[in-house]
C-alpha atoms as a PDB file:
ATOM      1  CA  UNK A   1      12.700 107.019 147.541  1.00  0.00           C
ATOM      2  CA  UNK A   2       9.344 106.709 145.766  1.00  0.00           C
ATOM      3  CA  UNK A   3      10.815 105.712 142.415  1.00  0.00           C
ATOM      4  CA  UNK A   4      13.252 103.325 144.074  1.00  0.00           C
ATOM      5  CA  UNK A   5      10.454 101.609 145.977  1.00  0.00           C
ATOM      6  CA  UNK A   6       8.431 101.173 142.810  1.00  0.00           C
ATOM      7  CA  UNK A   7      11.403  99.720 140.953  1.00  0.00           C
ATOM      8  CA  UNK A   8      12.017  97.297 143.803  1.00  0.00           C
ATOM      9  CA  UNK A   9       8.428  96.014 143.764  1.00  0.00           C
ATOM     10  CA  UNK A  10       8.472  95.632 139.986  1.00  0.00           C
ATOM     11  CA  UNK A  11      11.738  93.699 140.179  1.00  0.00           C
ATOM     12  CA  UNK A  12      10.425  91.368 142.879  1.00  0.00           C
ATOM     13  CA  UNK A  13       7.244  90.678 140.902  1.00  0.00           C
ATOM     14  CA  UNK A  14       9.260  89.763 137.821  1.00  0.00           C
ATOM     15  CA  UNK A  15      11.647  87.651 139.890  1.00  0.00           C
ATOM     16  CA  UNK A  16       8.768  85.786 141.525  1.00  0.00           C
ATOM     17  CA  UNK A  17       7.171  84.983 138.176  1.00  0.00           C
ATOM     18  CA  UNK A  18      10.468  83.601 136.879  1.00  0.00           C
ATOM     19  CA  UNK A  19      10.916  81.448 139.956  1.00  0.00           C
ATOM     20  CA  UNK A  20       7.363  80.123 139.876  1.00  0.00           C
ATOM     21  CA  UNK A  21       7.877  79.014 136.278  1.00  0.00           C
ATOM     22  CA  UNK A  22      11.212  77.312 136.918  1.00  0.00           C
ATOM     23  CA  UNK A  23      10.757  75.676 140.317  1.00  0.00           C
ATOM     24  CA  UNK A  24       8.301  74.078 142.646  1.00  0.00           C
ATOM     25  CA  UNK A  25       6.462  76.351 145.053  1.00  0.00           C
ATOM     26  CA  UNK A  26       8.433  75.750 148.270  1.00  0.00           C
ATOM     27  CA  UNK A  27      11.768  76.268 146.531  1.00  0.00           C
ATOM     28  CA  UNK A  28      10.481  79.476 144.960  1.00  0.00           C
ATOM     29  CA  UNK A  29       9.392  80.723 148.397  1.00  0.00           C
ATOM     30  CA  UNK A  30      12.818  80.163 149.962  1.00  0.00           C
ATOM     31  CA  UNK A  31      14.618  81.711 146.979  1.00  0.00           C
ATOM     32  CA  UNK A  32      12.316  84.721 147.089  1.00  0.00           C
ATOM     33  CA  UNK A  33      12.853  85.090 150.836  1.00  0.00           C
ATOM     34  CA  UNK A  34      16.616  85.162 150.259  1.00  0.00           C
ATOM     35  CA  UNK A  35      16.217  87.723 147.481  1.00  0.00           C
ATOM     36  CA  UNK A  36      14.043  89.935 149.684  1.00  0.00           C
ATOM     37  CA  UNK A  37      16.532  89.697 152.546  1.00  0.00           C
ATOM     38  CA  UNK A  38      19.403  90.618 150.222  1.00  0.00           C
ATOM     39  CA  UNK A  39      17.487  93.600 148.864  1.00  0.00           C
ATOM     40  CA  UNK A  40      16.601  94.711 152.397  1.00  0.00           C
ATOM     41  CA  UNK A  41      20.284  94.665 153.331  1.00  0.00           C
ATOM     42  CA  UNK A  42      21.099  96.611 150.168  1.00  0.00           C
ATOM     43  CA  UNK A  43      18.542  99.277 151.076  1.00  0.00           C
ATOM     44  CA  UNK A  44      19.913  99.528 154.622  1.00  0.00           C
ATOM     45  CA  UNK A  45      23.439  99.909 153.238  1.00  0.00           C
ATOM     46  CA  UNK A  46      22.295 102.639 150.831  1.00  0.00           C
ATOM     47  CA  UNK A  47      20.518 104.485 153.642  1.00  0.00           C
ATOM     48  CA  UNK A  48      23.592 104.178 155.876  1.00  0.00           C
ATOM     49  CA  UNK A  49      25.799 105.546 153.097  1.00  0.00           C
ATOM     50  CA  UNK A  50      23.447 108.472 152.495  1.00  0.00           C
ATOM     51  CA  UNK A  51      23.299 109.294 156.196  1.00  0.00           C
ATOM     52  CA  UNK A  52      27.099 109.175 156.487  1.00  0.00           C
ATOM     53  CA  UNK A  53      27.354 111.679 153.637  1.00  0.00           C
ATOM     54  CA  UNK A  54      24.527 113.898 154.884  1.00  0.00           C
ATOM     55  CA  UNK A  55      22.278 113.129 151.922  1.00  0.00           C
ATOM     56  CA  UNK A  56      19.322 111.817 153.889  1.00  0.00           C
END
């Protein structure tokens, strides 16, 4: 999971920079919060899948 975690942080940093350029600060915060929540759900789904298939 180390590589995955690193990729996730890199993606969020890039996403945040894009948002900060395009939008005002409060809008960027709410968009980023939604993105983080979506990614958290994705990670939970991946972990659930791996557990179901005995890979974790």
